[in-house]
Amino acid sequence: MPNELPELDRFDRAILTALAEDGRLPVTELARRIGLSKTPTQARVKRLEETGVIAGYRAVLSPIRMGLAHVAFVEVRLSDTREAALQAFNRAVRGMPEIEECHMMAAGFDYLMKVRTSDIADYRRVLGERISTLPHVASTSTYVAMEAVKEAGI
């Protein structure tokens, strides 16, 4: 069945851990690290890619080195939560580069966003000019992060 979750053994998990740390790892080094030869390691990586466990490879950027050190988490409450309103909000959010993550929540608010900007003044501008004008936004609450203890990892 195509939608079944693939079985992952200890070698698969070791491959995923190693590639999550360094997606450019040569297959020979990957094979050495997990304790298999090159050919079965290549076959496993290919299977993990084909089944969607490995969704892709990309450069991991440093937001701080890019001048985006300010992180705020924003609770968003919508005035309308019918499907058309949710879809309009979702589409608009996807077009905002300042919103690093956005999750629909089962909580006392509708969405939780992670917003990255250069500083608090820039965040205030983004909140007032962009986030507050997203479709159906009724109110927001902001929580400013002081330090990232763990980010982007399994």
C-alpha atoms as a PDB file:
ATOM      1  CA  MET A   1       0.000   0.000   0.000  1.00  0.00           C
ATOM      2  CA  PRO A   2       1.509   3.401  -1.006  1.00  0.00           C
ATOM      3  CA  ASN A   3       0.454   5.338   2.125  1.00  0.00           C
ATOM      4  CA  GLU A   4       1.841   2.804   4.580  1.00  0.00           C
ATOM      5  CA  LEU A   5       4.691   3.930   6.765  1.00  0.00           C
ATOM      6  CA  PRO A   6       7.926   2.181   5.825  1.00  0.00           C
ATOM      7  CA  GLU A   7       9.563  -0.127   8.351  1.00  0.00           C
ATOM      8  CA  LEU A   8      12.762   1.461   9.647  1.00  0.00           C
ATOM      9  CA  ASP A   9      15.452  -0.741  11.157  1.00  0.00           C
ATOM     10  CA  ARG A  10      18.547   0.340  13.066  1.00  0.00           C
ATOM     11  CA  PHE A  11      20.558   0.846   9.849  1.00  0.00           C
ATOM     12  CA  ASP A  12      17.835   3.081   8.374  1.00  0.00           C
ATOM     13  CA  ARG A  13      17.708   5.117  11.582  1.00  0.00           C
ATOM     14  CA  ALA A  14      21.505   5.418  11.610  1.00  0.00           C
ATOM     15  CA  ILE A  15      21.421   6.655   7.992  1.00  0.00           C
ATOM     16  CA  LEU A  16      18.754   9.223   8.852  1.00  0.00           C
ATOM     17  CA  THR A  17      20.667  10.473  11.880  1.00  0.00           C
ATOM     18  CA  ALA A  18      23.914  10.814   9.919  1.00  0.00           C
ATOM     19  CA  LEU A  19      22.277  12.565   6.952  1.00  0.00           C
ATOM     20  CA  ALA A  20      20.316  14.894   9.232  1.00  0.00           C
ATOM     21  CA  GLU A  21      23.657  16.029  10.654  1.00  0.00           C
ATOM     22  CA  ASP A  22      25.390  16.249   7.246  1.00  0.00           C
ATOM     23  CA  GLY A  23      23.316  15.819   4.093  1.00  0.00           C
ATOM     24  CA  ARG A  24      26.458  16.014   1.947  1.00  0.00           C
ATOM     25  CA  LEU A  25      28.064  12.982   3.551  1.00  0.00           C
ATOM     26  CA  PRO A  26      29.653  10.791   0.845  1.00  0.00           C
ATOM     27  CA  VAL A  27      28.068   7.353   0.648  1.00  0.00           C
ATOM     28  CA  THR A  28      31.390   5.676   1.453  1.00  0.00           C
ATOM     29  CA  GLU A  29      31.652   7.622   4.718  1.00  0.00           C
ATOM     30  CA  LEU A  30      27.972   7.010   5.461  1.00  0.00           C
ATOM     31  CA  ALA A  31      28.476   3.264   4.910  1.00  0.00           C
ATOM     32  CA  ARG A  32      31.500   3.267   7.214  1.00  0.00           C
ATOM     33  CA  ARG A  33      29.572   5.087   9.962  1.00  0.00           C
ATOM     34  CA  ILE A  34      26.600   2.744   9.927  1.00  0.00           C
ATOM     35  CA  GLY A  35      28.592  -0.472   9.490  1.00  0.00           C
ATOM     36  CA  LEU A  36      27.411  -1.592   6.045  1.00  0.00           C
ATOM     37  CA  SER A  37      29.130  -1.730   2.672  1.00  0.00           C
ATOM     38  CA  LYS A  38      28.559   0.950   0.036  1.00  0.00           C
ATOM     39  CA  THR A  39      26.033  -0.876  -2.187  1.00  0.00           C
ATOM     40  CA  PRO A  40      23.457  -1.771   0.500  1.00  0.00           C
ATOM     41  CA  THR A  41      23.859   1.706   2.000  1.00  0.00           C
ATOM     42  CA  GLN A  42      23.112   3.311  -1.394  1.00  0.00           C
ATOM     43  CA  ALA A  43      20.087   1.045  -1.815  1.00  0.00           C
ATOM     44  CA  ARG A  44      18.764   2.002   1.619  1.00  0.00           C
ATOM     45  CA  VAL A  45      19.224   5.726   0.963  1.00  0.00           C
ATOM     46  CA  LYS A  46      17.421   5.356  -2.372  1.00  0.00           C
ATOM     47  CA  ARG A  47      14.534   3.485  -0.682  1.00  0.00           C
ATOM     48  CA  LEU A  48      14.308   6.153   2.045  1.00  0.00           C
ATOM     49  CA  GLU A  49      14.149   8.849  -0.656  1.00  0.00           C
ATOM     50  CA  GLU A  50      11.570   6.970  -2.766  1.00  0.00           C
ATOM     51  CA  THR A  51       9.290   6.319   0.219  1.00  0.00           C
ATOM     52  CA  GLY A  52       9.475   9.983   1.237  1.00  0.00           C
ATOM     53  CA  VAL A  53      11.231   9.393   4.556  1.00  0.00           C
ATOM     54  CA  ILE A  54      14.011  11.566   3.157  1.00  0.00           C
ATOM     55  CA  ALA A  55      12.009  14.432   1.709  1.00  0.00           C
ATOM     56  CA  GLY A  56      14.975  16.277   0.206  1.00  0.00           C
ATOM     57  CA  TYR A  57      18.312  17.929   0.815  1.00  0.00           C
ATOM     58  CA  ARG A  58      19.021  21.591   1.379  1.00  0.00           C
ATOM     59  CA  ALA A  59      21.483  24.050   2.809  1.00  0.00           C
ATOM     60  CA  VAL A  60      20.894  24.889   6.461  1.00  0.00           C
ATOM     61  CA  LEU A  61      21.129  28.648   6.742  1.00  0.00           C
ATOM     62  CA  SER A  62      22.142  30.605   9.821  1.00  0.00           C
ATOM     63  CA  PRO A  63      19.417  33.185  10.427  1.00  0.00           C
ATOM     64  CA  ILE A  64      21.617  35.005  12.942  1.00  0.00           C
ATOM     65  CA  ARG A  65      24.449  35.347  10.379  1.00  0.00           C
ATOM     66  CA  MET A  66      21.811  36.649   7.956  1.00  0.00           C
ATOM     67  CA  GLY A  67      20.783  39.402  10.387  1.00  0.00           C
ATOM     68  CA  LEU A  68      17.605  37.692  11.590  1.00  0.00           C
ATOM     69  CA  ALA A  69      18.346  37.132  15.275  1.00  0.00           C
ATOM     70  CA  HIS A  70      14.988  38.279  16.697  1.00  0.00           C
ATOM     71  CA  VAL A  71      12.503  35.431  17.230  1.00  0.00           C
ATOM     72  CA  ALA A  72       8.911  35.907  18.332  1.00  0.00           C
ATOM     73  CA  PHE A  73       6.160  33.353  18.744  1.00  0.00           C
ATOM     74  CA  VAL A  74       2.744  34.714  17.883  1.00  0.00           C
ATOM     75  CA  GLU A  75      -0.624  33.330  18.876  1.00  0.00           C
ATOM     76  CA  VAL A  76      -3.229  34.232  16.273  1.00  0.00           C
ATOM     77  CA  ARG A  77      -6.972  34.195  16.767  1.00  0.00           C
ATOM     78  CA  LEU A  78      -9.164  34.395  13.684  1.00  0.00           C
ATOM     79  CA  SER A  79     -12.552  36.071  13.383  1.00  0.00           C
ATOM     80  CA  ASP A  80     -13.765  33.282  11.089  1.00  0.00           C
ATOM     81  CA  THR A  81     -12.706  29.627  11.182  1.00  0.00           C
ATOM     82  CA  ARG A  82     -14.785  28.268   8.338  1.00  0.00           C
ATOM     83  CA  GLU A  83     -12.787  26.361   5.735  1.00  0.00           C
ATOM     84  CA  ALA A  84     -12.625  29.187   3.182  1.00  0.00           C
ATOM     85  CA  ALA A  85     -11.281  31.573   5.828  1.00  0.00           C
ATOM     86  CA  LEU A  86      -8.671  29.054   6.977  1.00  0.00           C
ATOM     87  CA  GLN A  87      -7.541  28.482   3.397  1.00  0.00           C
ATOM     88  CA  ALA A  88      -7.262  32.233   2.739  1.00  0.00           C
ATOM     89  CA  PHE A  89      -5.192  32.687   5.904  1.00  0.00           C
ATOM     90  CA  ASN A  90      -2.951  29.705   5.059  1.00  0.00           C
ATOM     91  CA  ARG A  91      -2.294  30.994   1.523  1.00  0.00           C
ATOM     92  CA  ALA A  92      -1.365  34.448   2.794  1.00  0.00           C
ATOM     93  CA  VAL A  93       0.965  33.053   5.485  1.00  0.00           C
ATOM     94  CA  ARG A  94       2.859  30.966   2.925  1.00  0.00           C
ATOM     95  CA  GLY A  95       3.728  34.200   1.099  1.00  0.00           C
ATOM     96  CA  MET A  96       5.384  35.850   4.115  1.00  0.00           C
ATOM     97  CA  PRO A  97       9.113  35.071   4.437  1.00  0.00           C
ATOM     98  CA  GLU A  98       9.235  36.476   7.983  1.00  0.00           C
ATOM     99  CA  ILE A  99       6.979  33.645   9.161  1.00  0.00           C
ATOM    100  CA  GLU A 100       9.379  30.746   9.602  1.00  0.00           C
ATOM    101  CA  GLU A 101       6.731  28.315  10.876  1.00  0.00           C
ATOM    102  CA  CYS A 102       2.966  28.379  11.250  1.00  0.00           C
ATOM    103  CA  HIS A 103       0.881  25.677  12.900  1.00  0.00           C
ATOM    104  CA  MET A 104      -2.888  25.358  13.266  1.00  0.00           C
ATOM    105  CA  MET A 105      -3.545  24.608  16.922  1.00  0.00           C
ATOM    106  CA  ALA A 106      -6.156  22.831  19.009  1.00  0.00           C
ATOM    107  CA  ALA A 107      -6.022  25.449  21.763  1.00  0.00           C
ATOM    108  CA  GLY A 108      -7.549  28.715  22.950  1.00  0.00           C
ATOM    109  CA  PHE A 109      -6.171  30.322  19.785  1.00  0.00           C
ATOM    110  CA  ASP A 110      -6.114  29.190  16.158  1.00  0.00           C
ATOM    111  CA  TYR A 111      -2.500  29.411  14.970  1.00  0.00           C
ATOM    112  CA  LEU A 112       0.981  29.599  16.446  1.00  0.00           C
ATOM    113  CA  MET A 113       3.666  31.259  14.318  1.00  0.00           C
ATOM    114  CA  LYS A 114       7.419  31.505  14.640  1.00  0.00           C
ATOM    115  CA  VAL A 115       8.426  34.887  13.228  1.00  0.00           C
ATOM    116  CA  ARG A 116      12.022  35.894  12.522  1.00  0.00           C
ATOM    117  CA  THR A 117      13.109  39.506  12.047  1.00  0.00           C
ATOM    118  CA  SER A 118      16.235  41.622  12.505  1.00  0.00           C
ATOM    119  CA  ASP A 119      15.149  43.271  15.770  1.00  0.00           C
ATOM    120  CA  ILE A 120      12.140  44.286  17.857  1.00  0.00           C
ATOM    121  CA  ALA A 121      11.483  47.397  15.737  1.00  0.00           C
ATOM    122  CA  ASP A 122      11.385  45.287  12.586  1.00  0.00           C
ATOM    123  CA  TYR A 123       9.099  42.782  14.344  1.00  0.00           C
ATOM    124  CA  ARG A 124       6.733  45.583  15.381  1.00  0.00           C
ATOM    125  CA  ARG A 125       6.546  46.711  11.742  1.00  0.00           C
ATOM    126  CA  VAL A 126       5.908  43.146  10.497  1.00  0.00           C
ATOM    127  CA  LEU A 127       3.223  42.628  13.142  1.00  0.00           C
ATOM    128  CA  GLY A 128       1.455  45.900  12.423  1.00  0.00           C
ATOM    129  CA  GLU A 129       1.761  45.990   8.649  1.00  0.00           C
ATOM    130  CA  ARG A 130       1.739  42.332   7.659  1.00  0.00           C
ATOM    131  CA  ILE A 131       0.542  39.847  10.309  1.00  0.00           C
ATOM    132  CA  SER A 132      -2.347  41.978  11.580  1.00  0.00           C
ATOM    133  CA  THR A 133      -3.583  42.444   8.025  1.00  0.00           C
ATOM    134  CA  LEU A 134      -3.645  38.728   7.163  1.00  0.00           C
ATOM    135  CA  PRO A 135      -7.138  37.491   6.250  1.00  0.00           C
ATOM    136  CA  HIS A 136      -9.507  37.107   9.208  1.00  0.00           C
ATOM    137  CA  VAL A 137      -6.993  37.976  11.960  1.00  0.00           C
ATOM    138  CA  ALA A 138      -8.961  39.115  15.015  1.00  0.00           C
ATOM    139  CA  SER A 139      -6.121  39.323  17.554  1.00  0.00           C
ATOM    140  CA  THR A 140      -2.545  38.328  18.264  1.00  0.00           C
ATOM    141  CA  SER A 141      -0.365  37.735  21.323  1.00  0.00           C
ATOM    142  CA  THR A 142       3.414  37.880  21.071  1.00  0.00           C
ATOM    143  CA  TYR A 143       6.060  36.005  23.055  1.00  0.00           C
ATOM    144  CA  VAL A 144       9.670  37.040  22.420  1.00  0.00           C
ATOM    145  CA  ALA A 145      12.309  34.292  22.600  1.00  0.00           C
ATOM    146  CA  MET A 146      15.381  35.083  24.679  1.00  0.00           C
ATOM    147  CA  GLU A 147      17.476  32.067  23.646  1.00  0.00           C
ATOM    148  CA  ALA A 148      17.123  29.030  21.388  1.00  0.00           C
ATOM    149  CA  VAL A 149      17.899  25.922  23.424  1.00  0.00           C
ATOM    150  CA  LYS A 150      17.119  23.490  20.570  1.00  0.00           C
ATOM    151  CA  GLU A 151      16.057  24.205  17.013  1.00  0.00           C
ATOM    152  CA  ALA A 152      15.435  22.268  13.804  1.00  0.00           C
ATOM    153  CA  GLY A 153      16.232  18.729  14.687  1.00  0.00           C
ATOM    154  CA  ILE A 154      14.763  15.379  15.474  1.00  0.00           C
END
